[in-house]
Amino acid sequence: MEQFTAYVIKSFKHDGHLHRMWLTNWRVPQHILTEEHRRQGMLVFINSQTKIQEADGKEWVSRIPGVSFFIPKMWFNIVALMEESGVRYYCNVASPLYLAQNVLTYIDYDLDVIRLPDRSVHIVDQDEYERHKMIYHYSPIVEAKVREGLASLLALVNADKPPFHDETVVSYFEQWEAYKNGENAE
């Protein structure tokens, strides 16, 4: 049966330069995913205490465990951060994922949506998006895709649709912990 497998996740900017790398992320096996996540072709990754490398070479270690969700062809990705106060969802408006061997890449378009444990929703980094839109000369097609991605993301988060289910996030993380500790993941 398929097991948790290590992947690298790389985020780039529109001009192709590296933004950030998460060096160890554990892909959740298909047989563990919920039926809806499998049906959407969702890729789900766990990271905890992972080394992160910034574009300038600076490295640091994540303090907050995360469960990341990538849906093929969608212009966003979602990271569920498991904080003491509850699950905080940090969502990146970004190009669809590209997967080659055990490396997942995407282009980060700066706009972010945050859903706090109290369920309040905030759009952040709009100024950064506007600045990079000018610097990188986003085409009208890219701008339209970013707007569509933001709208689709907001529709999901506001309707509490998958993957915005705290219980599933916790379940995936607990199954990974069981695997890591040598227990059978089912």
C-alpha atoms as a PDB file:
ATOM      1  CA  MET A   1       0.000   0.000   0.000  1.00  0.00           C
ATOM      2  CA  GLU A   2       1.179   3.518  -0.811  1.00  0.00           C
ATOM      3  CA  GLN A   3       2.980   5.308   2.032  1.00  0.00           C
ATOM      4  CA  PHE A   4       3.695   8.941   2.888  1.00  0.00           C
ATOM      5  CA  THR A   5       6.361  10.186   0.451  1.00  0.00           C
ATOM      6  CA  ALA A   6       8.724  13.154   0.831  1.00  0.00           C
ATOM      7  CA  TYR A   7       8.436  16.069  -1.624  1.00  0.00           C
ATOM      8  CA  VAL A   8       9.986  19.503  -2.029  1.00  0.00           C
ATOM      9  CA  ILE A   9       7.626  22.432  -2.629  1.00  0.00           C
ATOM     10  CA  LYS A  10       9.042  25.427  -4.522  1.00  0.00           C
ATOM     11  CA  SER A  11       7.343  28.773  -4.903  1.00  0.00           C
ATOM     12  CA  PHE A  12       8.476  31.139  -7.678  1.00  0.00           C
ATOM     13  CA  LYS A  13       7.647  34.674  -8.710  1.00  0.00           C
ATOM     14  CA  HIS A  14       6.276  35.539 -12.149  1.00  0.00           C
ATOM     15  CA  ASP A  15       9.726  36.340 -13.578  1.00  0.00           C
ATOM     16  CA  GLY A  16      10.944  32.841 -12.678  1.00  0.00           C
ATOM     17  CA  HIS A  17      13.067  33.642  -9.638  1.00  0.00           C
ATOM     18  CA  LEU A  18      12.746  31.450  -6.585  1.00  0.00           C
ATOM     19  CA  HIS A  19      10.567  32.840  -3.814  1.00  0.00           C
ATOM     20  CA  ARG A  20      10.679  30.093  -1.161  1.00  0.00           C
ATOM     21  CA  MET A  21      11.250  26.331  -0.768  1.00  0.00           C
ATOM     22  CA  TRP A  22       9.780  23.961   1.809  1.00  0.00           C
ATOM     23  CA  LEU A  23      12.339  21.188   1.844  1.00  0.00           C
ATOM     24  CA  THR A  24      10.409  18.278   3.403  1.00  0.00           C
ATOM     25  CA  ASN A  25       6.697  17.776   2.839  1.00  0.00           C
ATOM     26  CA  TRP A  26       4.997  14.413   3.204  1.00  0.00           C
ATOM     27  CA  ARG A  27       2.413  13.589   0.536  1.00  0.00           C
ATOM     28  CA  VAL A  28      -0.684  11.968   1.984  1.00  0.00           C
ATOM     29  CA  PRO A  29      -1.341   8.633   0.229  1.00  0.00           C
ATOM     30  CA  GLN A  30      -4.423   8.354  -1.988  1.00  0.00           C
ATOM     31  CA  HIS A  31      -6.037   5.661   0.156  1.00  0.00           C
ATOM     32  CA  ILE A  32      -6.094   8.055   3.145  1.00  0.00           C
ATOM     33  CA  LEU A  33      -7.660  11.000   1.271  1.00  0.00           C
ATOM     34  CA  THR A  34     -11.376  11.654   1.640  1.00  0.00           C
ATOM     35  CA  GLU A  35     -13.514  10.648  -1.309  1.00  0.00           C
ATOM     36  CA  GLU A  36     -14.085  14.284  -2.290  1.00  0.00           C
ATOM     37  CA  HIS A  37     -10.357  15.067  -2.187  1.00  0.00           C
ATOM     38  CA  ARG A  38      -9.624  12.024  -4.379  1.00  0.00           C
ATOM     39  CA  ARG A  39     -12.388  13.000  -6.811  1.00  0.00           C
ATOM     40  CA  GLN A  40     -10.859  16.495  -7.186  1.00  0.00           C
ATOM     41  CA  GLY A  41      -7.390  15.002  -7.757  1.00  0.00           C
ATOM     42  CA  MET A  42      -6.214  16.963  -4.727  1.00  0.00           C
ATOM     43  CA  LEU A  43      -2.613  16.624  -3.587  1.00  0.00           C
ATOM     44  CA  VAL A  44      -2.249  16.922   0.183  1.00  0.00           C
ATOM     45  CA  PHE A  45       1.037  17.403   2.036  1.00  0.00           C
ATOM     46  CA  ILE A  46       2.006  17.475   5.706  1.00  0.00           C
ATOM     47  CA  ASN A  47       4.907  19.480   7.044  1.00  0.00           C
ATOM     48  CA  SER A  48       6.088  19.889  10.589  1.00  0.00           C
ATOM     49  CA  GLN A  49       9.372  21.376  11.692  1.00  0.00           C
ATOM     50  CA  THR A  50      10.393  21.536   8.035  1.00  0.00           C
ATOM     51  CA  LYS A  51      13.365  23.540   6.854  1.00  0.00           C
ATOM     52  CA  ILE A  52      12.356  26.507   4.689  1.00  0.00           C
ATOM     53  CA  GLN A  53      14.778  28.269   2.382  1.00  0.00           C
ATOM     54  CA  GLU A  54      14.139  31.841   1.240  1.00  0.00           C
ATOM     55  CA  ALA A  55      15.219  33.252  -2.131  1.00  0.00           C
ATOM     56  CA  ASP A  56      18.199  34.967  -0.485  1.00  0.00           C
ATOM     57  CA  GLY A  57      19.454  31.623   0.883  1.00  0.00           C
ATOM     58  CA  LYS A  58      18.319  32.274   4.464  1.00  0.00           C
ATOM     59  CA  GLU A  59      16.984  29.109   6.103  1.00  0.00           C
ATOM     60  CA  TRP A  60      14.620  28.660   9.021  1.00  0.00           C
ATOM     61  CA  VAL A  61      12.431  25.910  10.456  1.00  0.00           C
ATOM     62  CA  SER A  62       8.641  26.087  10.534  1.00  0.00           C
ATOM     63  CA  ARG A  63       7.207  26.131  14.040  1.00  0.00           C
ATOM     64  CA  ILE A  64       3.579  25.474  13.155  1.00  0.00           C
ATOM     65  CA  PRO A  65       2.510  22.140  11.623  1.00  0.00           C
ATOM     66  CA  GLY A  66       0.739  22.541   8.306  1.00  0.00           C
ATOM     67  CA  VAL A  67      -1.426  20.565   5.915  1.00  0.00           C
ATOM     68  CA  SER A  68      -1.205  21.904   2.345  1.00  0.00           C
ATOM     69  CA  PHE A  69      -3.830  21.369  -0.345  1.00  0.00           C
ATOM     70  CA  PHE A  70      -3.220  21.680  -4.088  1.00  0.00           C
ATOM     71  CA  ILE A  71      -6.075  21.183  -6.545  1.00  0.00           C
ATOM     72  CA  PRO A  72      -5.017  20.618 -10.171  1.00  0.00           C
ATOM     73  CA  LYS A  73      -5.823  23.478 -12.565  1.00  0.00           C
ATOM     74  CA  MET A  74      -6.886  25.818  -9.740  1.00  0.00           C
ATOM     75  CA  TRP A  75      -5.201  29.216  -9.356  1.00  0.00           C
ATOM     76  CA  PHE A  76      -4.705  28.925  -5.611  1.00  0.00           C
ATOM     77  CA  ASN A  77      -3.393  26.620  -2.910  1.00  0.00           C
ATOM     78  CA  ILE A  78      -4.312  26.307   0.740  1.00  0.00           C
ATOM     79  CA  VAL A  79      -2.217  25.733   3.833  1.00  0.00           C
ATOM     80  CA  ALA A  80      -4.041  24.756   7.023  1.00  0.00           C
ATOM     81  CA  LEU A  81      -1.866  25.803   9.956  1.00  0.00           C
ATOM     82  CA  MET A  82      -2.545  23.878  13.146  1.00  0.00           C
ATOM     83  CA  GLU A  83      -2.208  26.502  15.850  1.00  0.00           C
ATOM     84  CA  GLU A  84      -3.083  26.242  19.535  1.00  0.00           C
ATOM     85  CA  SER A  85      -6.117  28.485  18.979  1.00  0.00           C
ATOM     86  CA  GLY A  86      -7.400  26.291  16.131  1.00  0.00           C
ATOM     87  CA  VAL A  87      -6.830  25.851  12.398  1.00  0.00           C
ATOM     88  CA  ARG A  88      -5.820  28.988  10.495  1.00  0.00           C
ATOM     89  CA  TYR A  89      -6.043  28.715   6.705  1.00  0.00           C
ATOM     90  CA  TYR A  90      -3.432  30.649   4.754  1.00  0.00           C
ATOM     91  CA  CYS A  91      -4.369  30.611   1.080  1.00  0.00           C
ATOM     92  CA  ASN A  92      -2.128  31.703  -1.762  1.00  0.00           C
ATOM     93  CA  VAL A  93      -3.497  32.959  -5.054  1.00  0.00           C
ATOM     94  CA  ALA A  94      -1.053  31.160  -7.319  1.00  0.00           C
ATOM     95  CA  SER A  95      -0.653  29.388 -10.615  1.00  0.00           C
ATOM     96  CA  PRO A  96      -1.793  25.787 -10.822  1.00  0.00           C
ATOM     97  CA  LEU A  97       0.706  23.289  -9.482  1.00  0.00           C
ATOM     98  CA  TYR A  98       3.362  21.676 -11.641  1.00  0.00           C
ATOM     99  CA  LEU A  99       4.644  18.303 -10.500  1.00  0.00           C
ATOM    100  CA  ALA A 100       7.880  16.691 -11.687  1.00  0.00           C
ATOM    101  CA  GLN A 101       9.055  13.627  -9.790  1.00  0.00           C
ATOM    102  CA  ASN A 102       8.984  14.628  -6.112  1.00  0.00           C
ATOM    103  CA  VAL A 103       9.084  18.379  -6.647  1.00  0.00           C
ATOM    104  CA  LEU A 104       5.932  20.511  -6.742  1.00  0.00           C
ATOM    105  CA  THR A 105       6.229  24.059  -8.069  1.00  0.00           C
ATOM    106  CA  TYR A 106       3.922  27.026  -8.540  1.00  0.00           C
ATOM    107  CA  ILE A 107       4.056  30.782  -9.136  1.00  0.00           C
ATOM    108  CA  ASP A 108       2.975  32.901  -6.177  1.00  0.00           C
ATOM    109  CA  TYR A 109       0.917  35.948  -7.189  1.00  0.00           C
ATOM    110  CA  ASP A 110       1.088  37.621  -3.755  1.00  0.00           C
ATOM    111  CA  LEU A 111      -2.637  37.905  -3.036  1.00  0.00           C
ATOM    112  CA  ASP A 112      -3.488  35.874   0.039  1.00  0.00           C
ATOM    113  CA  VAL A 113      -6.689  34.968   1.825  1.00  0.00           C
ATOM    114  CA  ILE A 114      -6.571  34.137   5.517  1.00  0.00           C
ATOM    115  CA  ARG A 115      -9.365  32.416   7.403  1.00  0.00           C
ATOM    116  CA  LEU A 116      -8.862  32.612  11.145  1.00  0.00           C
ATOM    117  CA  PRO A 117     -10.144  30.020  13.633  1.00  0.00           C
ATOM    118  CA  ASP A 118     -13.054  32.398  14.433  1.00  0.00           C
ATOM    119  CA  ARG A 119     -14.000  31.980  10.718  1.00  0.00           C
ATOM    120  CA  SER A 120     -13.305  35.610   9.817  1.00  0.00           C
ATOM    121  CA  VAL A 121     -11.840  36.020   6.322  1.00  0.00           C
ATOM    122  CA  HIS A 122      -9.207  38.576   5.284  1.00  0.00           C
ATOM    123  CA  ILE A 123      -7.646  39.375   1.898  1.00  0.00           C
ATOM    124  CA  VAL A 124      -4.054  40.531   2.362  1.00  0.00           C
ATOM    125  CA  ASP A 125      -1.065  41.696   0.304  1.00  0.00           C
ATOM    126  CA  GLN A 126      -3.138  43.503  -2.329  1.00  0.00           C
ATOM    127  CA  ASP A 127      -0.526  46.265  -2.430  1.00  0.00           C
ATOM    128  CA  GLU A 128       2.222  43.710  -3.100  1.00  0.00           C
ATOM    129  CA  TYR A 129       0.154  42.216  -5.940  1.00  0.00           C
ATOM    130  CA  GLU A 130      -0.359  45.659  -7.516  1.00  0.00           C
ATOM    131  CA  ARG A 131       3.359  46.459  -7.222  1.00  0.00           C
ATOM    132  CA  HIS A 132       4.443  43.138  -8.760  1.00  0.00           C
ATOM    133  CA  LYS A 133       1.806  43.441 -11.485  1.00  0.00           C
ATOM    134  CA  MET A 134       3.638  46.570 -12.658  1.00  0.00           C
ATOM    135  CA  ILE A 135       7.181  45.238 -12.137  1.00  0.00           C
ATOM    136  CA  TYR A 136       6.582  41.870 -13.837  1.00  0.00           C
ATOM    137  CA  HIS A 137       4.148  43.155 -16.483  1.00  0.00           C
ATOM    138  CA  TYR A 138       1.398  40.594 -15.884  1.00  0.00           C
ATOM    139  CA  SER A 139      -0.512  39.919 -19.072  1.00  0.00           C
ATOM    140  CA  PRO A 140      -4.289  40.444 -19.192  1.00  0.00           C
ATOM    141  CA  ILE A 141      -4.637  36.637 -19.212  1.00  0.00           C
ATOM    142  CA  VAL A 142      -2.626  36.290 -15.975  1.00  0.00           C
ATOM    143  CA  GLU A 143      -4.584  39.121 -14.359  1.00  0.00           C
ATOM    144  CA  ALA A 144      -7.863  37.428 -15.320  1.00  0.00           C
ATOM    145  CA  LYS A 145      -6.656  34.063 -13.959  1.00  0.00           C
ATOM    146  CA  VAL A 146      -5.583  35.701 -10.680  1.00  0.00           C
ATOM    147  CA  ARG A 147      -9.010  37.377 -10.320  1.00  0.00           C
ATOM    148  CA  GLU A 148     -10.762  34.057 -11.120  1.00  0.00           C
ATOM    149  CA  GLY A 149      -8.529  32.236  -8.623  1.00  0.00           C
ATOM    150  CA  LEU A 150      -9.325  34.749  -5.892  1.00  0.00           C
ATOM    151  CA  ALA A 151     -13.064  34.533  -6.610  1.00  0.00           C
ATOM    152  CA  SER A 152     -13.035  30.703  -6.624  1.00  0.00           C
ATOM    153  CA  LEU A 153     -11.036  30.627  -3.413  1.00  0.00           C
ATOM    154  CA  LEU A 154     -13.378  33.063  -1.659  1.00  0.00           C
ATOM    155  CA  ALA A 155     -16.395  31.026  -2.795  1.00  0.00           C
ATOM    156  CA  LEU A 156     -14.883  27.857  -1.251  1.00  0.00           C
ATOM    157  CA  VAL A 157     -13.847  29.476   2.012  1.00  0.00           C
ATOM    158  CA  ASN A 158     -17.141  31.314   2.500  1.00  0.00           C
ATOM    159  CA  ALA A 159     -19.170  28.145   1.807  1.00  0.00           C
ATOM    160  CA  ASP A 160     -17.000  25.973   4.121  1.00  0.00           C
ATOM    161  CA  LYS A 161     -16.335  23.604   1.220  1.00  0.00           C
ATOM    162  CA  PRO A 162     -13.354  21.240   1.168  1.00  0.00           C
ATOM    163  CA  PRO A 163     -10.628  21.564   2.104  1.00  0.00           C
ATOM    164  CA  PHE A 164     -11.904  24.009   4.756  1.00  0.00           C
ATOM    165  CA  HIS A 165     -12.829  21.245   7.214  1.00  0.00           C
ATOM    166  CA  ASP A 166     -10.794  21.333  10.419  1.00  0.00           C
ATOM    167  CA  GLU A 167     -11.593  17.705  11.301  1.00  0.00           C
ATOM    168  CA  THR A 168     -10.117  16.444   8.026  1.00  0.00           C
ATOM    169  CA  VAL A 169      -6.992  18.572   8.492  1.00  0.00           C
ATOM    170  CA  VAL A 170      -6.481  17.130  11.978  1.00  0.00           C
ATOM    171  CA  SER A 171      -7.168  13.586  10.746  1.00  0.00           C
ATOM    172  CA  TYR A 172      -4.549  13.829   7.981  1.00  0.00           C
ATOM    173  CA  PHE A 173      -1.998  15.191  10.434  1.00  0.00           C
ATOM    174  CA  GLU A 174      -2.734  12.491  13.028  1.00  0.00           C
ATOM    175  CA  GLN A 175      -2.410   9.745  10.405  1.00  0.00           C
ATOM    176  CA  TRP A 176       0.948  11.164   9.336  1.00  0.00           C
ATOM    177  CA  GLU A 177       2.103  11.269  12.974  1.00  0.00           C
ATOM    178  CA  ALA A 178       1.050   7.621  13.396  1.00  0.00           C
ATOM    179  CA  TYR A 179       3.025   6.707  10.256  1.00  0.00           C
ATOM    180  CA  LYS A 180       6.054   8.687  11.462  1.00  0.00           C
ATOM    181  CA  ASN A 181       5.885   6.909  14.823  1.00  0.00           C
ATOM    182  CA  GLY A 182       5.789   3.492  13.165  1.00  0.00           C
ATOM    183  CA  GLU A 183       2.082   2.844  13.549  1.00  0.00           C
ATOM    184  CA  ASN A 184      -0.066   1.706  10.629  1.00  0.00           C
ATOM    185  CA  ALA A 185      -1.703   4.604   8.766  1.00  0.00           C
ATOM    186  CA  GLU A 186      -5.195   3.669   7.678  1.00  0.00           C
END
